[in-house]
Protein backbone atom coordinates (compact mmCIF):
# COMPACT_ATOMS: atom_id res chain seq x y z
CA MET A 1 94.75 96.30 122.05
CA GLY A 2 92.43 93.56 123.20
CA ASN A 3 92.99 90.48 125.29
CA LEU A 4 95.27 88.14 123.34
CA ALA A 5 95.17 85.26 125.86
CA GLY A 6 95.14 81.93 124.05
CA LYS A 7 95.78 83.53 120.66
CA LYS A 8 98.92 83.30 118.58
CA LYS A 9 100.53 86.36 117.08
CA ALA A 10 100.66 86.22 113.28
CA PRO A 11 104.18 86.08 111.82
CA TYR A 12 104.22 89.35 109.93
CA ASP A 13 107.25 88.74 107.72
CA ARG A 14 105.67 90.18 104.58
CA ILE A 15 103.31 92.96 103.63
CA TRP A 16 100.49 93.14 101.08
CA VAL A 17 100.80 96.36 99.09
CA CYS A 18 97.54 97.37 97.44
CA ALA A 19 98.69 100.80 96.30
CA ALA A 20 102.24 102.03 96.03
CA PRO A 21 104.21 104.87 94.49
CA VAL A 22 106.42 104.25 91.46
CA THR A 23 109.44 103.89 93.74
CA ILE A 24 109.68 102.88 97.38
CA PRO A 25 112.70 104.08 99.39
CA ASP A 26 114.95 101.26 100.69
CA ILE A 27 114.56 102.50 104.27
CA LEU A 28 110.78 102.14 104.01
CA ILE A 29 111.03 98.63 102.54
CA GLY A 30 113.32 97.71 105.41
CA GLN A 31 110.71 98.87 107.91
CA LEU A 32 107.64 97.39 106.20
CA ALA A 33 109.14 94.10 105.02
CA PRO A 34 112.29 93.41 107.06
CA LYS A 35 112.79 89.95 105.51
CA GLY A 36 112.41 91.37 102.02
CA TYR A 37 109.06 89.85 101.09
CA MET A 38 106.62 92.33 99.60
CA VAL A 39 103.55 91.27 97.63
CA ILE A 40 102.49 93.75 94.96
CA PRO A 41 99.31 92.52 93.28
CA GLY A 42 98.60 93.23 89.64
CA PHE A 43 95.55 95.20 88.63
CA GLY A 44 94.38 92.74 85.99
CA PHE A 45 90.86 92.76 87.42
CA ILE A 46 90.48 96.46 86.69
CA LYS A 47 90.05 97.75 83.16
CA GLY A 48 90.86 101.38 82.58
CA SER A 49 91.45 103.52 85.64
CA ILE A 50 93.03 102.18 88.83
CA ASN A 51 90.95 104.72 90.73
CA PRO A 52 88.82 102.62 93.15
CA ASN A 53 85.79 104.76 92.30
CA HIS A 54 86.00 103.75 88.64
CA TYR A 55 86.06 99.95 88.72
CA GLN A 56 84.89 98.38 85.47
CA ARG A 57 84.65 94.62 85.97
């Protein structure tokens, strides 16, 4: 880690999920998002494949 003097630690009470399996085990959710907030973005900006090498904007 670097020197954090004078810097505030971010309150990581949620997680941004950009790719996830169909189901996520409860134990994993408890570890990644202990307060229960998990952001799962839609893929509306991608037409066709969700493969990142096949974006069609």
